[in-house]
Amino acid sequence: MQSTSSTSSTRTVAGVAVHALPSVKVQSLAAVLAVIAAVALPQIFHLGGAALGLGPALGQTLLPMHLPVLLVGLLAGPYAGVATGALAPVVSFALTGMPMAPMVPFMVIELAAYGLVAGVLRGVNLPFALPSPIEWLVKLLGAQIAGRLIDALAIGVAVALLGNTTMTVASVWAAVLTGLPGLVLQWIAIPAIMTTVDRGRRR
C-alpha cells in the first residue's frame, strides 16, 4: 500500500522522499531551451576549435551537447531530459550536419538515456545525507554511467545483429578517455548549478 503526502516541492511515496516535478509548461520550456543549447554549444566550441587550430577536437573533448541534456534532466525531470536527449542530435544534424549520420542513432540513445536517468535520479533522495554538491555529483555520475552502458549495449546490438561496423563497443571507452576534460567540466559545473538552485528554492 502506498502512502503519499505532498508539499510544494517534495512528496513521500512508499516512505521514499521524492522531489515533485515542475509544471508541464515549465518542463516543456526547459526542454526547448535545452535543445537550443545542445545544438548551439557544439557549434560555438567547433568555431573556437577552428580559431585555435584544434579543428573538431575541442568539441570532442569538452562534450558540449551532453551538458544541457544532463542539466535539464536534473532540473526539470525525466520527461524533459529524455525529450532533449532524443531531439538534440536529430535537430543538430538537420541544421548543421553534425554529428555525422552514422553516429546520430547512437547519440540519440546515449543522450536520451542521460536525460532519462538524470531526471529519475533528480526525484529521489539518497538514503544517506550528503552535502548538496556531493549529492548532485552522485546523481550525475549515475546518469553518466547509465548513458555509457546503454550506448555500449546499443552498439553491441548493432554490431552483432545488424553488422554495423561504423562503431564498436571499444569506441565507447575511447570516447570516455577523449572526453575526460568534458566530464570533469560537468562534474564541476552541474553540481554547482544545482546547489545554487537548491539555495534559491529554500529562500
C-alpha atoms as a PDB file:
ATOM      1  CA  MET A   1       0.000   0.000   0.000  1.00  0.00           C
ATOM      2  CA  GLN A   2       1.380   3.416  -0.924  1.00  0.00           C
ATOM      3  CA  SER A   3       1.185   6.369   1.381  1.00  0.00           C
ATOM      4  CA  THR A   4       1.653   9.747  -0.245  1.00  0.00           C
ATOM      5  CA  SER A   5       1.987  13.136   1.405  1.00  0.00           C
ATOM      6  CA  SER A   6       2.946  16.258  -0.505  1.00  0.00           C
ATOM      7  CA  THR A   7       4.361  19.735  -0.118  1.00  0.00           C
ATOM      8  CA  SER A   8       5.033  22.296  -2.812  1.00  0.00           C
ATOM      9  CA  SER A   9       8.264  20.590  -3.914  1.00  0.00           C
ATOM     10  CA  THR A  10       8.612  17.270  -2.112  1.00  0.00           C
ATOM     11  CA  ARG A  11       6.381  14.270  -1.538  1.00  0.00           C
ATOM     12  CA  THR A  12       6.753  10.886   0.081  1.00  0.00           C
ATOM     13  CA  VAL A  13       5.903   7.731  -1.852  1.00  0.00           C
ATOM     14  CA  ALA A  14       6.151   4.393  -0.025  1.00  0.00           C
ATOM     15  CA  GLY A  15       8.388   6.006   2.547  1.00  0.00           C
ATOM     16  CA  VAL A  16      10.814   7.480  -0.028  1.00  0.00           C
ATOM     17  CA  ALA A  17      11.093  11.254  -0.311  1.00  0.00           C
ATOM     18  CA  VAL A  18      10.953  12.451  -3.907  1.00  0.00           C
ATOM     19  CA  HIS A  19      11.018  15.916  -5.440  1.00  0.00           C
ATOM     20  CA  ALA A  20       7.841  16.881  -7.303  1.00  0.00           C
ATOM     21  CA  LEU A  21       8.183  17.695 -10.991  1.00  0.00           C
ATOM     22  CA  PRO A  22       7.708  21.251 -12.266  1.00  0.00           C
ATOM     23  CA  SER A  23       4.582  22.067 -14.239  1.00  0.00           C
ATOM     24  CA  VAL A  24       4.219  20.698 -17.762  1.00  0.00           C
ATOM     25  CA  LYS A  25       4.705  24.228 -19.118  1.00  0.00           C
ATOM     26  CA  VAL A  26       7.999  24.601 -17.241  1.00  0.00           C
ATOM     27  CA  GLN A  27       9.180  21.140 -18.347  1.00  0.00           C
ATOM     28  CA  SER A  28       8.334  21.932 -21.975  1.00  0.00           C
ATOM     29  CA  LEU A  29      10.081  25.310 -21.879  1.00  0.00           C
ATOM     30  CA  ALA A  30      13.121  23.757 -20.199  1.00  0.00           C
ATOM     31  CA  ALA A  31      13.315  21.064 -22.894  1.00  0.00           C
ATOM     32  CA  VAL A  32      13.084  23.622 -25.727  1.00  0.00           C
ATOM     33  CA  LEU A  33      15.808  25.795 -24.197  1.00  0.00           C
ATOM     34  CA  ALA A  34      17.995  22.753 -23.549  1.00  0.00           C
ATOM     35  CA  VAL A  35      17.649  21.551 -27.164  1.00  0.00           C
ATOM     36  CA  ILE A  36      18.642  25.017 -28.385  1.00  0.00           C
ATOM     37  CA  ALA A  37      21.666  24.984 -26.061  1.00  0.00           C
ATOM     38  CA  ALA A  38      22.595  21.438 -27.085  1.00  0.00           C
ATOM     39  CA  VAL A  39      22.587  22.480 -30.753  1.00  0.00           C
ATOM     40  CA  ALA A  40      24.292  25.860 -30.268  1.00  0.00           C
ATOM     41  CA  LEU A  41      27.056  24.923 -27.828  1.00  0.00           C
ATOM     42  CA  PRO A  42      28.789  22.384 -30.122  1.00  0.00           C
ATOM     43  CA  GLN A  43      28.842  24.993 -32.891  1.00  0.00           C
ATOM     44  CA  ILE A  44      30.425  27.540 -30.562  1.00  0.00           C
ATOM     45  CA  PHE A  45      33.037  25.012 -29.471  1.00  0.00           C
ATOM     46  CA  HIS A  46      33.755  23.962 -33.060  1.00  0.00           C
ATOM     47  CA  LEU A  47      34.197  27.589 -34.089  1.00  0.00           C
ATOM     48  CA  GLY A  48      36.502  28.091 -31.123  1.00  0.00           C
ATOM     49  CA  GLY A  49      38.434  24.970 -32.054  1.00  0.00           C
ATOM     50  CA  ALA A  50      38.793  26.178 -35.630  1.00  0.00           C
ATOM     51  CA  ALA A  51      40.006  29.578 -34.446  1.00  0.00           C
ATOM     52  CA  LEU A  52      42.583  27.909 -32.212  1.00  0.00           C
ATOM     53  CA  GLY A  53      43.681  25.479 -34.910  1.00  0.00           C
ATOM     54  CA  LEU A  54      42.273  22.489 -32.998  1.00  0.00           C
ATOM     55  CA  GLY A  55      39.599  21.511 -35.502  1.00  0.00           C
ATOM     56  CA  PRO A  56      36.782  19.389 -34.010  1.00  0.00           C
ATOM     57  CA  ALA A  57      38.970  18.212 -31.122  1.00  0.00           C
ATOM     58  CA  LEU A  58      37.667  20.888 -28.731  1.00  0.00           C
ATOM     59  CA  GLY A  59      34.071  19.713 -29.116  1.00  0.00           C
ATOM     60  CA  GLN A  60      35.024  16.032 -28.842  1.00  0.00           C
ATOM     61  CA  THR A  61      36.990  16.774 -25.684  1.00  0.00           C
ATOM     62  CA  LEU A  62      34.539  19.039 -23.838  1.00  0.00           C
ATOM     63  CA  LEU A  63      31.277  17.246 -24.798  1.00  0.00           C
ATOM     64  CA  PRO A  64      29.157  20.414 -25.130  1.00  0.00           C
ATOM     65  CA  MET A  65      25.982  18.579 -26.208  1.00  0.00           C
ATOM     66  CA  HIS A  66      25.961  16.401 -23.097  1.00  0.00           C
ATOM     67  CA  LEU A  67      25.885  19.202 -20.549  1.00  0.00           C
ATOM     68  CA  PRO A  68      22.430  20.703 -21.371  1.00  0.00           C
ATOM     69  CA  VAL A  69      20.869  17.222 -21.532  1.00  0.00           C
ATOM     70  CA  LEU A  70      22.151  16.163 -18.118  1.00  0.00           C
ATOM     71  CA  LEU A  71      21.350  19.541 -16.610  1.00  0.00           C
ATOM     72  CA  VAL A  72      17.763  19.694 -17.859  1.00  0.00           C
ATOM     73  CA  GLY A  73      17.119  16.168 -16.574  1.00  0.00           C
ATOM     74  CA  LEU A  74      18.305  17.147 -13.099  1.00  0.00           C
ATOM     75  CA  LEU A  75      16.450  20.457 -13.205  1.00  0.00           C
ATOM     76  CA  ALA A  76      13.157  19.534 -14.865  1.00  0.00           C
ATOM     77  CA  GLY A  77      12.824  15.743 -14.618  1.00  0.00           C
ATOM     78  CA  PRO A  78      12.855  12.666 -16.851  1.00  0.00           C
ATOM     79  CA  TYR A  79      10.346  13.807 -19.479  1.00  0.00           C
ATOM     80  CA  ALA A  80      12.253  16.971 -20.318  1.00  0.00           C
ATOM     81  CA  GLY A  81      15.531  15.049 -20.068  1.00  0.00           C
ATOM     82  CA  VAL A  82      14.615  12.230 -22.416  1.00  0.00           C
ATOM     83  CA  ALA A  83      12.943  14.596 -24.901  1.00  0.00           C
ATOM     84  CA  THR A  84      16.021  16.820 -25.001  1.00  0.00           C
ATOM     85  CA  GLY A  85      18.381  13.873 -25.343  1.00  0.00           C
ATOM     86  CA  ALA A  86      16.372  12.317 -28.169  1.00  0.00           C
ATOM     87  CA  LEU A  87      15.764  15.535 -30.107  1.00  0.00           C
ATOM     88  CA  ALA A  88      19.072  17.372 -29.776  1.00  0.00           C
ATOM     89  CA  PRO A  89      21.197  15.134 -32.070  1.00  0.00           C
ATOM     90  CA  VAL A  90      18.424  14.973 -34.690  1.00  0.00           C
ATOM     91  CA  VAL A  91      17.869  18.738 -34.716  1.00  0.00           C
ATOM     92  CA  SER A  92      21.611  19.359 -34.746  1.00  0.00           C
ATOM     93  CA  PHE A  93      22.096  17.011 -37.715  1.00  0.00           C
ATOM     94  CA  ALA A  94      19.196  18.590 -39.604  1.00  0.00           C
ATOM     95  CA  LEU A  95      20.512  22.127 -39.081  1.00  0.00           C
ATOM     96  CA  THR A  96      24.275  21.670 -39.128  1.00  0.00           C
ATOM     97  CA  GLY A  97      25.047  18.202 -40.498  1.00  0.00           C
ATOM     98  CA  MET A  98      26.606  17.269 -37.151  1.00  0.00           C
ATOM     99  CA  PRO A  99      27.023  14.752 -35.671  1.00  0.00           C
ATOM    100  CA  MET A 100      27.825  12.538 -38.663  1.00  0.00           C
ATOM    101  CA  ALA A 101      24.864  10.485 -39.875  1.00  0.00           C
ATOM    102  CA  PRO A 102      26.120   7.062 -38.644  1.00  0.00           C
ATOM    103  CA  MET A 103      26.539   8.493 -35.141  1.00  0.00           C
ATOM    104  CA  VAL A 104      23.086  10.062 -34.849  1.00  0.00           C
ATOM    105  CA  PRO A 105      21.134   6.942 -33.734  1.00  0.00           C
ATOM    106  CA  PHE A 106      23.732   6.089 -31.095  1.00  0.00           C
ATOM    107  CA  MET A 107      23.840   9.656 -29.811  1.00  0.00           C
ATOM    108  CA  VAL A 108      20.049   9.723 -29.603  1.00  0.00           C
ATOM    109  CA  ILE A 109      20.120   6.560 -27.479  1.00  0.00           C
ATOM    110  CA  GLU A 110      23.001   7.730 -25.297  1.00  0.00           C
ATOM    111  CA  LEU A 111      21.729  11.261 -24.691  1.00  0.00           C
ATOM    112  CA  ALA A 112      18.140  10.128 -24.138  1.00  0.00           C
ATOM    113  CA  ALA A 113      19.467   7.721 -21.514  1.00  0.00           C
ATOM    114  CA  TYR A 114      21.420  10.540 -19.865  1.00  0.00           C
ATOM    115  CA  GLY A 115      18.352  12.756 -19.686  1.00  0.00           C
ATOM    116  CA  LEU A 116      16.024   9.988 -18.539  1.00  0.00           C
ATOM    117  CA  VAL A 117      18.259   8.651 -15.781  1.00  0.00           C
ATOM    118  CA  ALA A 118      19.259  12.134 -14.617  1.00  0.00           C
ATOM    119  CA  GLY A 119      15.579  13.035 -14.386  1.00  0.00           C
ATOM    120  CA  VAL A 120      14.690   9.881 -12.465  1.00  0.00           C
ATOM    121  CA  LEU A 121      17.592  10.346 -10.042  1.00  0.00           C
ATOM    122  CA  ARG A 122      16.662  14.007  -9.597  1.00  0.00           C
ATOM    123  CA  GLY A 123      13.457  12.962  -7.912  1.00  0.00           C
ATOM    124  CA  VAL A 124      14.899  10.534  -5.365  1.00  0.00           C
ATOM    125  CA  ASN A 125      16.613  11.452  -2.122  1.00  0.00           C
ATOM    126  CA  LEU A 126      19.702   9.372  -1.446  1.00  0.00           C
ATOM    127  CA  PRO A 127      19.424   7.025   1.577  1.00  0.00           C
ATOM    128  CA  PHE A 128      22.283   8.858   3.289  1.00  0.00           C
ATOM    129  CA  ALA A 129      22.829  12.549   3.956  1.00  0.00           C
ATOM    130  CA  LEU A 130      25.400  14.305   1.789  1.00  0.00           C
ATOM    131  CA  PRO A 131      26.213  17.963   1.170  1.00  0.00           C
ATOM    132  CA  SER A 132      24.191  19.269  -1.770  1.00  0.00           C
ATOM    133  CA  PRO A 133      27.091  19.429  -4.289  1.00  0.00           C
ATOM    134  CA  ILE A 134      28.146  15.857  -3.497  1.00  0.00           C
ATOM    135  CA  GLU A 135      24.573  14.575  -3.713  1.00  0.00           C
ATOM    136  CA  TRP A 136      24.162  16.096  -7.163  1.00  0.00           C
ATOM    137  CA  LEU A 137      27.561  14.756  -8.217  1.00  0.00           C
ATOM    138  CA  VAL A 138      26.497  11.228  -7.215  1.00  0.00           C
ATOM    139  CA  LYS A 139      23.296  11.554  -9.251  1.00  0.00           C
ATOM    140  CA  LEU A 140      25.237  12.986 -12.197  1.00  0.00           C
ATOM    141  CA  LEU A 141      27.699  10.092 -12.112  1.00  0.00           C
ATOM    142  CA  GLY A 142      24.804   7.630 -12.053  1.00  0.00           C
ATOM    143  CA  ALA A 143      23.313   9.208 -15.172  1.00  0.00           C
ATOM    144  CA  GLN A 144      26.678   9.322 -16.963  1.00  0.00           C
ATOM    145  CA  ILE A 145      27.439   5.676 -16.238  1.00  0.00           C
ATOM    146  CA  ALA A 146      23.944   4.562 -17.282  1.00  0.00           C
ATOM    147  CA  GLY A 147      24.184   6.507 -20.545  1.00  0.00           C
ATOM    148  CA  ARG A 148      27.546   4.992 -21.457  1.00  0.00           C
ATOM    149  CA  LEU A 149      26.397   1.469 -20.621  1.00  0.00           C
ATOM    150  CA  ILE A 150      23.238   1.829 -22.708  1.00  0.00           C
ATOM    151  CA  ASP A 151      25.288   3.290 -25.560  1.00  0.00           C
ATOM    152  CA  ALA A 152      27.689   0.321 -25.382  1.00  0.00           C
ATOM    153  CA  LEU A 153      24.712  -2.076 -25.398  1.00  0.00           C
ATOM    154  CA  ALA A 154      23.189  -0.348 -28.436  1.00  0.00           C
ATOM    155  CA  ILE A 155      26.491  -0.513 -30.308  1.00  0.00           C
ATOM    156  CA  GLY A 156      26.905  -4.177 -29.367  1.00  0.00           C
ATOM    157  CA  VAL A 157      23.437  -4.973 -30.725  1.00  0.00           C
ATOM    158  CA  ALA A 158      24.122  -3.023 -33.922  1.00  0.00           C
ATOM    159  CA  VAL A 159      27.391  -4.882 -34.487  1.00  0.00           C
ATOM    160  CA  ALA A 160      26.061  -8.331 -33.602  1.00  0.00           C
ATOM    161  CA  LEU A 161      22.644  -8.228 -35.274  1.00  0.00           C
ATOM    162  CA  LEU A 162      22.931  -5.595 -37.983  1.00  0.00           C
ATOM    163  CA  GLY A 163      26.565  -5.982 -38.972  1.00  0.00           C
ATOM    164  CA  ASN A 164      27.182  -2.278 -38.307  1.00  0.00           C
ATOM    165  CA  THR A 165      30.931  -1.697 -38.315  1.00  0.00           C
ATOM    166  CA  THR A 166      30.943   2.107 -38.193  1.00  0.00           C
ATOM    167  CA  MET A 167      31.006   1.999 -34.374  1.00  0.00           C
ATOM    168  CA  THR A 168      32.445  -0.525 -31.924  1.00  0.00           C
ATOM    169  CA  VAL A 169      31.962  -1.125 -28.205  1.00  0.00           C
ATOM    170  CA  ALA A 170      35.625  -0.209 -27.732  1.00  0.00           C
ATOM    171  CA  SER A 171      34.808   3.224 -29.145  1.00  0.00           C
ATOM    172  CA  VAL A 172      32.719   3.932 -26.038  1.00  0.00           C
ATOM    173  CA  TRP A 173      35.779   3.607 -23.819  1.00  0.00           C
ATOM    174  CA  ALA A 174      37.850   5.642 -26.290  1.00  0.00           C
ATOM    175  CA  ALA A 175      35.187   8.380 -26.182  1.00  0.00           C
ATOM    176  CA  VAL A 176      35.317   8.384 -22.368  1.00  0.00           C
ATOM    177  CA  LEU A 177      39.080   8.924 -22.421  1.00  0.00           C
ATOM    178  CA  THR A 178      38.877  11.602 -25.113  1.00  0.00           C
ATOM    179  CA  GLY A 179      36.038  13.363 -23.310  1.00  0.00           C
ATOM    180  CA  LEU A 180      37.568  13.228 -19.827  1.00  0.00           C
ATOM    181  CA  PRO A 181      38.066  17.033 -19.680  1.00  0.00           C
ATOM    182  CA  GLY A 182      34.392  17.427 -20.583  1.00  0.00           C
ATOM    183  CA  LEU A 183      33.400  15.004 -17.836  1.00  0.00           C
ATOM    184  CA  VAL A 184      35.447  16.987 -15.317  1.00  0.00           C
ATOM    185  CA  LEU A 185      33.747  20.174 -16.538  1.00  0.00           C
ATOM    186  CA  GLN A 186      30.350  18.532 -15.959  1.00  0.00           C
ATOM    187  CA  TRP A 187      31.399  17.285 -12.508  1.00  0.00           C
ATOM    188  CA  ILE A 188      32.257  20.860 -11.517  1.00  0.00           C
ATOM    189  CA  ALA A 189      29.603  22.914 -13.321  1.00  0.00           C
ATOM    190  CA  ILE A 190      26.442  20.835 -12.892  1.00  0.00           C
ATOM    191  CA  PRO A 191      26.637  20.247  -9.101  1.00  0.00           C
ATOM    192  CA  ALA A 192      27.496  23.946  -8.677  1.00  0.00           C
ATOM    193  CA  ILE A 193      24.431  24.982 -10.714  1.00  0.00           C
ATOM    194  CA  MET A 194      22.149  22.541  -8.901  1.00  0.00           C
ATOM    195  CA  THR A 195      23.413  23.658  -5.478  1.00  0.00           C
ATOM    196  CA  THR A 196      22.688  27.268  -6.435  1.00  0.00           C
ATOM    197  CA  VAL A 197      19.170  26.250  -7.499  1.00  0.00           C
ATOM    198  CA  ASP A 198      18.688  24.416  -4.188  1.00  0.00           C
ATOM    199  CA  ARG A 199      19.654  27.521  -2.242  1.00  0.00           C
ATOM    200  CA  GLY A 200      17.232  29.598  -4.296  1.00  0.00           C
ATOM    201  CA  ARG A 201      14.394  27.172  -3.574  1.00  0.00           C
ATOM    202  CA  ARG A 202      14.962  27.441   0.169  1.00  0.00           C
ATOM    203  CA  ARG A 203      14.552  31.225   0.179  1.00  0.00           C
END
